[in-house]
Amino acid sequence: MNRAVFLDRDGVIIENRDDYVRSLGDIRLVPGAIGAIAALQEAGYLSVVATNQSAIGRGLVSPGVAQRINESIDDLVSAGGGRIAAWYMCPHVPEDGCRCRKPSPGLLEDAAKDLRISLESSYFVGDALSDVVAARAAHVRPVLVLTGRGADTAAADGPGLDGCPVVPDLRAAAALILASEGAEAS
C-alpha cells in the first residue's frame, strides 16, 4: 500500500482568491510549496490533490479551464523537481449534496481505491475546516496551514480542530510530516 499526502489546491499550493482562480494568470504559488512537494515525494509519499472547485458548478470556470489550471500547476511542480500523482476535483456547489465535496471524504476514498493508498498512513494538508473534517472522516491525519483561509480557520478555533497540528505553510507541514516519520521509525 502507498502512503500519500493529500493536498488542497487553493491556499496550500497556490494562493487562494476570494473570486476564485479562474485563469492561468490567477496562479500564484505559495512560497516553498513546490520544494515541499518534492521533499515529500523523495520520502516516498504520493502527493495527491483533493480540491473543491465550486467555480465550475457556479458557471464561473469551465471544466476545461479548470483542467488547464491544474495542468499548469502540475508543470510548475514538475519543473521544481516534484510530482503530483493524481488530481481529484469536486466541481459541485455545496447545495448539490454530493459525496465528493469536502468535508465529505469521497475524494480521499476514491484516491485510496485508485492508487492503493493506506489512508491510515497518510496525511491531508489543508487550509480549511472542511479539509480537516474530510481527513478525519477518511482516517487520514490532518494538518492545517495558515496560508489561504487557514489563519481565519485557526482563529475560529472550533472544536473540529482539536488535536490538529497548525503550521505556517506547506513547507512547515512537510517538515512536520517528515519529522513524524522519523519519530515513528525510532
Foldseek 3Di string as FASTA:
>chain_A
DAAAEEEEPDQAQFDHDPVGDAALVRGHGDPPRLVLQQLCVVVRHAYEYQYEACCCVVVNHPPVRVVVNVVVSQVVSVVSRHHHPYYHYHNHDPVVPDQRDFVRQVSVVVCCVVVVHDLCNYEYEEQALSRLNNSVVSNHQYAHECTHNNVVRVVVVDPSCVPHHYYHHSNVVSVVSVVVVVVVVD
